[in-house]
Amino acid sequence: MSDLAQKFGWTAVARDPARTIALDSPKGKPLPDAGNEDHWPKTELVIKTREWARGELDDETFNHSMRVFHFGT
């Protein structure tokens, strides 16, 4: 077992890009705007969390987090 697997419980997962990416997917089709406020829940918790994250995280990490949520939904 590698050091990472022992420390964090992570192990490498082999993946074949040909099996994970649909070869017939449309290319060049624009994605919906992840920053569009209509996309986000309008609760006090979400608003305060985004404000906190925007103030605490660097731009790259904040934007990555927004993309994760956007693609996850």
PDB file of N, CA and C in Angstrom:
ATOM      1  N   MET A   1       0.850  -1.171   0.000  1.00  0.00           N
ATOM      2  CA  MET A   1       0.000   0.000   0.000  1.00  0.00           C
ATOM      3  C   MET A   1       0.896   1.235   0.000  1.00  0.00           C
ATOM      4  N   SER A   2       0.556   2.228  -0.821  1.00  0.00           N
ATOM      5  CA  SER A   2       1.397   3.421  -0.907  1.00  0.00           C
ATOM      6  C   SER A   2       1.214   4.296   0.330  1.00  0.00           C
ATOM      7  N   ASP A   3       2.098   5.256   0.497  1.00  0.00           N
ATOM      8  CA  ASP A   3       2.004   6.177   1.632  1.00  0.00           C
ATOM      9  C   ASP A   3       0.687   6.952   1.602  1.00  0.00           C
ATOM     10  N   LEU A   4       0.275   7.396   0.406  1.00  0.00           N
ATOM     11  CA  LEU A   4      -0.995   8.137   0.301  1.00  0.00           C
ATOM     12  C   LEU A   4      -2.180   7.270   0.685  1.00  0.00           C
ATOM     13  N   ALA A   5      -2.160   6.038   0.257  1.00  0.00           N
ATOM     14  CA  ALA A   5      -3.261   5.134   0.587  1.00  0.00           C
ATOM     15  C   ALA A   5      -3.325   4.890   2.084  1.00  0.00           C
ATOM     16  N   GLN A   6      -2.170   4.737   2.715  1.00  0.00           N
ATOM     17  CA  GLN A   6      -2.153   4.527   4.163  1.00  0.00           C
ATOM     18  C   GLN A   6      -2.610   5.782   4.907  1.00  0.00           C
ATOM     19  N   LYS A   7      -2.120   6.938   4.461  1.00  0.00           N
ATOM     20  CA  LYS A   7      -2.413   8.180   5.170  1.00  0.00           C
ATOM     21  C   LYS A   7      -3.844   8.647   4.948  1.00  0.00           C
ATOM     22  N   PHE A   8      -4.326   8.592   3.688  1.00  0.00           N
ATOM     23  CA  PHE A   8      -5.621   9.160   3.361  1.00  0.00           C
ATOM     24  C   PHE A   8      -6.675   8.137   2.929  1.00  0.00           C
ATOM     25  N   GLY A   9      -6.262   6.906   2.664  1.00  0.00           N
ATOM     26  CA  GLY A   9      -7.200   5.906   2.187  1.00  0.00           C
ATOM     27  C   GLY A   9      -7.479   6.024   0.701  1.00  0.00           C
ATOM     28  N   TRP A  10      -6.627   6.751  -0.013  1.00  0.00           N
ATOM     29  CA  TRP A  10      -6.820   6.942  -1.452  1.00  0.00           C
ATOM     30  C   TRP A  10      -5.993   5.938  -2.220  1.00  0.00           C
ATOM     31  N   THR A  11      -6.541   5.441  -3.288  1.00  0.00           N
ATOM     32  CA  THR A  11      -5.792   4.587  -4.194  1.00  0.00           C
ATOM     33  C   THR A  11      -6.056   5.055  -5.617  1.00  0.00           C
ATOM     34  N   ALA A  12      -5.119   4.791  -6.491  1.00  0.00           N
ATOM     35  CA  ALA A  12      -5.264   5.199  -7.885  1.00  0.00           C
ATOM     36  C   ALA A  12      -6.378   4.404  -8.547  1.00  0.00           C
ATOM     37  N   VAL A  13      -7.112   5.054  -9.407  1.00  0.00           N
ATOM     38  CA  VAL A  13      -8.168   4.400 -10.167  1.00  0.00           C
ATOM     39  C   VAL A  13      -7.813   4.533 -11.641  1.00  0.00           C
ATOM     40  N   ALA A  14      -7.572   3.402 -12.288  1.00  0.00           N
ATOM     41  CA  ALA A  14      -7.256   3.438 -13.707  1.00  0.00           C
ATOM     42  C   ALA A  14      -8.525   3.785 -14.482  1.00  0.00           C
ATOM     43  N   ARG A  15      -8.380   4.629 -15.478  1.00  0.00           N
ATOM     44  CA  ARG A  15      -9.547   4.948 -16.288  1.00  0.00           C
ATOM     45  C   ARG A  15      -9.145   5.085 -17.742  1.00  0.00           C
ATOM     46  N   ASP A  16     -10.027   4.695 -18.575  1.00  0.00           N
ATOM     47  CA  ASP A  16      -9.815   4.757 -20.008  1.00  0.00           C
ATOM     48  C   ASP A  16     -10.606   5.949 -20.537  1.00  0.00           C
ATOM     49  N   PRO A  17      -9.952   7.015 -21.021  1.00  0.00           N
ATOM     50  CA  PRO A  17     -10.693   8.187 -21.501  1.00  0.00           C
ATOM     51  C   PRO A  17     -11.722   7.840 -22.579  1.00  0.00           C
ATOM     52  N   ALA A  18     -11.443   6.826 -23.375  1.00  0.00           N
ATOM     53  CA  ALA A  18     -12.396   6.448 -24.430  1.00  0.00           C
ATOM     54  C   ALA A  18     -13.710   5.942 -23.833  1.00  0.00           C
ATOM     55  N   ARG A  19     -13.662   5.404 -22.604  1.00  0.00           N
ATOM     56  CA  ARG A  19     -14.876   4.893 -21.967  1.00  0.00           C
ATOM     57  C   ARG A  19     -15.582   5.951 -21.128  1.00  0.00           C
ATOM     58  N   THR A  20     -14.846   6.991 -20.696  1.00  0.00           N
ATOM     59  CA  THR A  20     -15.449   7.990 -19.809  1.00  0.00           C
ATOM     60  C   THR A  20     -15.963   9.213 -20.553  1.00  0.00           C
ATOM     61  N   ILE A  21     -15.468   9.459 -21.751  1.00  0.00           N
ATOM     62  CA  ILE A  21     -15.900  10.623 -22.530  1.00  0.00           C
ATOM     63  C   ILE A  21     -16.679  10.119 -23.734  1.00  0.00           C
ATOM     64  N   ALA A  22     -17.919  10.547 -23.845  1.00  0.00           N
ATOM     65  CA  ALA A  22     -18.729  10.126 -24.980  1.00  0.00           C
ATOM     66  C   ALA A  22     -18.138  10.707 -26.263  1.00  0.00           C
ATOM     67  N   LEU A  23     -17.801   9.834 -27.174  1.00  0.00           N
ATOM     68  CA  LEU A  23     -17.187  10.295 -28.413  1.00  0.00           C
ATOM     69  C   LEU A  23     -18.180  10.997 -29.323  1.00  0.00           C
ATOM     70  N   ASP A  24     -19.460  10.764 -29.124  1.00  0.00           N
ATOM     71  CA  ASP A  24     -20.457  11.395 -29.983  1.00  0.00           C
ATOM     72  C   ASP A  24     -21.105  12.611 -29.312  1.00  0.00           C
ATOM     73  N   SER A  25     -20.498  13.130 -28.228  1.00  0.00           N
ATOM     74  CA  SER A  25     -21.082  14.282 -27.551  1.00  0.00           C
ATOM     75  C   SER A  25     -20.924  15.523 -28.416  1.00  0.00           C
ATOM     76  N   PRO A  26     -21.908  16.435 -28.338  1.00  0.00           N
ATOM     77  CA  PRO A  26     -21.794  17.662 -29.140  1.00  0.00           C
ATOM     78  C   PRO A  26     -20.640  18.519 -28.626  1.00  0.00           C
ATOM     79  N   LYS A  27     -19.860  18.996 -29.548  1.00  0.00           N
ATOM     80  CA  LYS A  27     -18.723  19.828 -29.168  1.00  0.00           C
ATOM     81  C   LYS A  27     -19.026  21.280 -29.526  1.00  0.00           C
ATOM     82  N   GLY A  28     -18.533  22.175 -28.724  1.00  0.00           N
ATOM     83  CA  GLY A  28     -18.710  23.591 -29.018  1.00  0.00           C
ATOM     84  C   GLY A  28     -20.042  24.153 -28.556  1.00  0.00           C
ATOM     85  N   LYS A  29     -20.881  23.339 -27.943  1.00  0.00           N
ATOM     86  CA  LYS A  29     -22.163  23.833 -27.466  1.00  0.00           C
ATOM     87  C   LYS A  29     -21.928  24.605 -26.163  1.00  0.00           C
ATOM     88  N   PRO A  30     -22.343  25.872 -26.103  1.00  0.00           N
ATOM     89  CA  PRO A  30     -22.081  26.636 -24.891  1.00  0.00           C
ATOM     90  C   PRO A  30     -22.838  26.077 -23.697  1.00  0.00           C
ATOM     91  N   LEU A  31     -22.200  26.146 -22.542  1.00  0.00           N
ATOM     92  CA  LEU A  31     -22.832  25.716 -21.298  1.00  0.00           C
ATOM     93  C   LEU A  31     -23.607  26.879 -20.688  1.00  0.00           C
ATOM     94  N   PRO A  32     -24.631  26.572 -19.899  1.00  0.00           N
ATOM     95  CA  PRO A  32     -25.330  27.651 -19.200  1.00  0.00           C
ATOM     96  C   PRO A  32     -24.357  28.404 -18.305  1.00  0.00           C
ATOM     97  N   ASP A  33     -24.650  29.650 -18.054  1.00  0.00           N
ATOM     98  CA  ASP A  33     -23.783  30.497 -17.240  1.00  0.00           C
ATOM     99  C   ASP A  33     -23.789  30.040 -15.792  1.00  0.00           C
ATOM    100  N   ALA A  34     -22.651  29.551 -15.302  1.00  0.00           N
ATOM    101  CA  ALA A  34     -22.568  29.069 -13.920  1.00  0.00           C
ATOM    102  C   ALA A  34     -22.732  30.199 -12.918  1.00  0.00           C
ATOM    103  N   GLY A  35     -22.436  31.411 -13.325  1.00  0.00           N
ATOM    104  CA  GLY A  35     -22.558  32.544 -12.426  1.00  0.00           C
ATOM    105  C   GLY A  35     -23.957  33.129 -12.373  1.00  0.00           C
ATOM    106  N   ASN A  36     -24.838  32.618 -13.192  1.00  0.00           N
ATOM    107  CA  ASN A  36     -26.204  33.121 -13.240  1.00  0.00           C
ATOM    108  C   ASN A  36     -26.871  32.937 -11.880  1.00  0.00           C
ATOM    109  N   GLU A  37     -27.319  34.017 -11.287  1.00  0.00           N
ATOM    110  CA  GLU A  37     -27.899  33.956  -9.947  1.00  0.00           C
ATOM    111  C   GLU A  37     -29.189  33.138  -9.907  1.00  0.00           C
ATOM    112  N   ASP A  38     -29.877  32.980 -11.013  1.00  0.00           N
ATOM    113  CA  ASP A  38     -31.107  32.183 -11.032  1.00  0.00           C
ATOM    114  C   ASP A  38     -30.818  30.702 -10.802  1.00  0.00           C
ATOM    115  N   HIS A  39     -29.577  30.309 -11.001  1.00  0.00           N
ATOM    116  CA  HIS A  39     -29.174  28.904 -10.886  1.00  0.00           C
ATOM    117  C   HIS A  39     -29.006  28.485  -9.427  1.00  0.00           C
ATOM    118  N   TRP A  40     -28.769  29.437  -8.531  1.00  0.00           N
ATOM    119  CA  TRP A  40     -28.436  29.149  -7.144  1.00  0.00           C
ATOM    120  C   TRP A  40     -29.660  29.209  -6.250  1.00  0.00           C
ATOM    121  N   PRO A  41     -29.737  28.356  -5.244  1.00  0.00           N
ATOM    122  CA  PRO A  41     -30.823  28.465  -4.261  1.00  0.00           C
ATOM    123  C   PRO A  41     -30.763  29.840  -3.590  1.00  0.00           C
ATOM    124  N   LYS A  42     -31.910  30.388  -3.281  1.00  0.00           N
ATOM    125  CA  LYS A  42     -31.957  31.733  -2.707  1.00  0.00           C
ATOM    126  C   LYS A  42     -32.282  31.663  -1.216  1.00  0.00           C
ATOM    127  N   THR A  43     -31.422  30.987  -0.483  1.00  0.00           N
ATOM    128  CA  THR A  43     -31.608  30.889   0.959  1.00  0.00           C
ATOM    129  C   THR A  43     -30.522  31.716   1.643  1.00  0.00           C
ATOM    130  N   GLU A  44     -30.791  32.103   2.877  1.00  0.00           N
ATOM    131  CA  GLU A  44     -29.813  32.890   3.622  1.00  0.00           C
ATOM    132  C   GLU A  44     -28.503  32.113   3.784  1.00  0.00           C
ATOM    133  N   LEU A  45     -28.615  30.805   3.998  1.00  0.00           N
ATOM    134  CA  LEU A  45     -27.432  29.972   4.158  1.00  0.00           C
ATOM    135  C   LEU A  45     -26.554  30.012   2.910  1.00  0.00           C
ATOM    136  N   VAL A  46     -27.162  29.877   1.743  1.00  0.00           N
ATOM    137  CA  VAL A  46     -26.400  29.883   0.495  1.00  0.00           C
ATOM    138  C   VAL A  46     -25.761  31.251   0.276  1.00  0.00           C
ATOM    139  N   ILE A  47     -26.508  32.299   0.502  1.00  0.00           N
ATOM    140  CA  ILE A  47     -25.981  33.654   0.296  1.00  0.00           C
ATOM    141  C   ILE A  47     -24.793  33.912   1.217  1.00  0.00           C
ATOM    142  N   LYS A  48     -24.935  33.598   2.496  1.00  0.00           N
ATOM    143  CA  LYS A  48     -23.849  33.841   3.458  1.00  0.00           C
ATOM    144  C   LYS A  48     -22.641  32.943   3.183  1.00  0.00           C
ATOM    145  N   THR A  49     -22.891  31.708   2.770  1.00  0.00           N
ATOM    146  CA  THR A  49     -21.787  30.800   2.472  1.00  0.00           C
ATOM    147  C   THR A  49     -20.995  31.276   1.265  1.00  0.00           C
ATOM    148  N   ARG A  50     -21.693  31.715   0.230  1.00  0.00           N
ATOM    149  CA  ARG A  50     -20.990  32.232  -0.952  1.00  0.00           C
ATOM    150  C   ARG A  50     -20.207  33.493  -0.623  1.00  0.00           C
ATOM    151  N   GLU A  51     -20.784  34.377   0.199  1.00  0.00           N
ATOM    152  CA  GLU A  51     -20.068  35.589   0.609  1.00  0.00           C
ATOM    153  C   GLU A  51     -18.805  35.216   1.387  1.00  0.00           C
ATOM    154  N   TRP A  52     -18.940  34.261   2.306  1.00  0.00           N
ATOM    155  CA  TRP A  52     -17.782  33.822   3.090  1.00  0.00           C
ATOM    156  C   TRP A  52     -16.715  33.223   2.174  1.00  0.00           C
ATOM    157  N   ALA A  53     -17.152  32.320   1.296  1.00  0.00           N
ATOM    158  CA  ALA A  53     -16.202  31.648   0.411  1.00  0.00           C
ATOM    159  C   ALA A  53     -15.501  32.653  -0.496  1.00  0.00           C
ATOM    160  N   ARG A  54     -16.236  33.619  -1.005  1.00  0.00           N
ATOM    161  CA  ARG A  54     -15.650  34.639  -1.891  1.00  0.00           C
ATOM    162  C   ARG A  54     -14.571  35.431  -1.140  1.00  0.00           C
ATOM    163  N   GLY A  55     -14.788  35.691   0.136  1.00  0.00           N
ATOM    164  CA  GLY A  55     -13.828  36.454   0.918  1.00  0.00           C
ATOM    165  C   GLY A  55     -12.636  35.641   1.406  1.00  0.00           C
ATOM    166  N   GLU A  56     -12.811  34.337   1.598  1.00  0.00           N
ATOM    167  CA  GLU A  56     -11.769  33.497   2.186  1.00  0.00           C
ATOM    168  C   GLU A  56     -10.920  32.740   1.164  1.00  0.00           C
ATOM    169  N   LEU A  57     -11.493  32.406   0.035  1.00  0.00           N
ATOM    170  CA  LEU A  57     -10.789  31.577  -0.949  1.00  0.00           C
ATOM    171  C   LEU A  57     -10.153  32.433  -2.029  1.00  0.00           C
ATOM    172  N   ASP A  58      -9.035  31.957  -2.567  1.00  0.00           N
ATOM    173  CA  ASP A  58      -8.462  32.658  -3.716  1.00  0.00           C
ATOM    174  C   ASP A  58      -9.382  32.442  -4.917  1.00  0.00           C
ATOM    175  N   ASP A  59      -9.221  33.272  -5.940  1.00  0.00           N
ATOM    176  CA  ASP A  59     -10.129  33.231  -7.099  1.00  0.00           C
ATOM    177  C   ASP A  59     -10.197  31.861  -7.752  1.00  0.00           C
ATOM    178  N   GLU A  60      -9.041  31.208  -7.911  1.00  0.00           N
ATOM    179  CA  GLU A  60      -9.017  29.908  -8.591  1.00  0.00           C
ATOM    180  C   GLU A  60      -9.825  28.864  -7.812  1.00  0.00           C
ATOM    181  N   THR A  61      -9.664  28.834  -6.498  1.00  0.00           N
ATOM    182  CA  THR A  61     -10.381  27.852  -5.682  1.00  0.00           C
ATOM    183  C   THR A  61     -11.867  28.156  -5.653  1.00  0.00           C
ATOM    184  N   PHE A  62     -12.224  29.423  -5.512  1.00  0.00           N
ATOM    185  CA  PHE A  62     -13.642  29.807  -5.508  1.00  0.00           C
ATOM    186  C   PHE A  62     -14.296  29.424  -6.837  1.00  0.00           C
ATOM    187  N   ASN A  63     -13.647  29.782  -7.935  1.00  0.00           N
ATOM    188  CA  ASN A  63     -14.222  29.470  -9.250  1.00  0.00           C
ATOM    189  C   ASN A  63     -14.328  27.965  -9.470  1.00  0.00           C
ATOM    190  N   HIS A  64     -13.338  27.211  -9.014  1.00  0.00           N
ATOM    191  CA  HIS A  64     -13.406  25.755  -9.122  1.00  0.00           C
ATOM    192  C   HIS A  64     -14.619  25.224  -8.350  1.00  0.00           C
ATOM    193  N   SER A  65     -14.815  25.736  -7.150  1.00  0.00           N
ATOM    194  CA  SER A  65     -15.947  25.298  -6.328  1.00  0.00           C
ATOM    195  C   SER A  65     -17.267  25.605  -7.007  1.00  0.00           C
ATOM    196  N   MET A  66     -17.374  26.754  -7.642  1.00  0.00           N
ATOM    197  CA  MET A  66     -18.604  27.120  -8.348  1.00  0.00           C
ATOM    198  C   MET A  66     -18.842  26.194  -9.533  1.00  0.00           C
ATOM    199  N   ARG A  67     -17.757  25.829 -10.235  1.00  0.00           N
ATOM    200  CA  ARG A  67     -17.904  24.902 -11.364  1.00  0.00           C
ATOM    201  C   ARG A  67     -18.343  23.524 -10.880  1.00  0.00           C
ATOM    202  N   VAL A  68     -17.790  23.076  -9.762  1.00  0.00           N
ATOM    203  CA  VAL A  68     -18.171  21.771  -9.215  1.00  0.00           C
ATOM    204  C   VAL A  68     -19.665  21.751  -8.935  1.00  0.00           C
ATOM    205  N   PHE A  69     -20.172  22.790  -8.285  1.00  0.00           N
ATOM    206  CA  PHE A  69     -21.603  22.858  -7.994  1.00  0.00           C
ATOM    207  C   PHE A  69     -22.399  22.895  -9.291  1.00  0.00           C
ATOM    208  N   HIS A  70     -21.983  23.742 -10.224  1.00  0.00           N
ATOM    209  CA  HIS A  70     -22.699  23.907 -11.482  1.00  0.00           C
ATOM    210  C   HIS A  70     -22.792  22.589 -12.257  1.00  0.00           C
ATOM    211  N   PHE A  71     -21.668  21.923 -12.426  1.00  0.00           N
ATOM    212  CA  PHE A  71     -21.677  20.665 -13.178  1.00  0.00           C
ATOM    213  C   PHE A  71     -22.385  19.563 -12.399  1.00  0.00           C
ATOM    214  N   GLY A  72     -22.325  19.626 -11.080  1.00  0.00           N
ATOM    215  CA  GLY A  72     -23.014  18.637 -10.258  1.00  0.00           C
ATOM    216  C   GLY A  72     -24.527  18.742 -10.354  1.00  0.00           C
ATOM    217  N   THR A  73     -25.005  19.947 -10.549  1.00  0.00           N
ATOM    218  CA  THR A  73     -26.460  20.117 -10.659  1.00  0.00           C
ATOM    219  C   THR A  73     -26.916  19.856 -12.068  1.00  0.00           C
TER     220      THR A  73
END
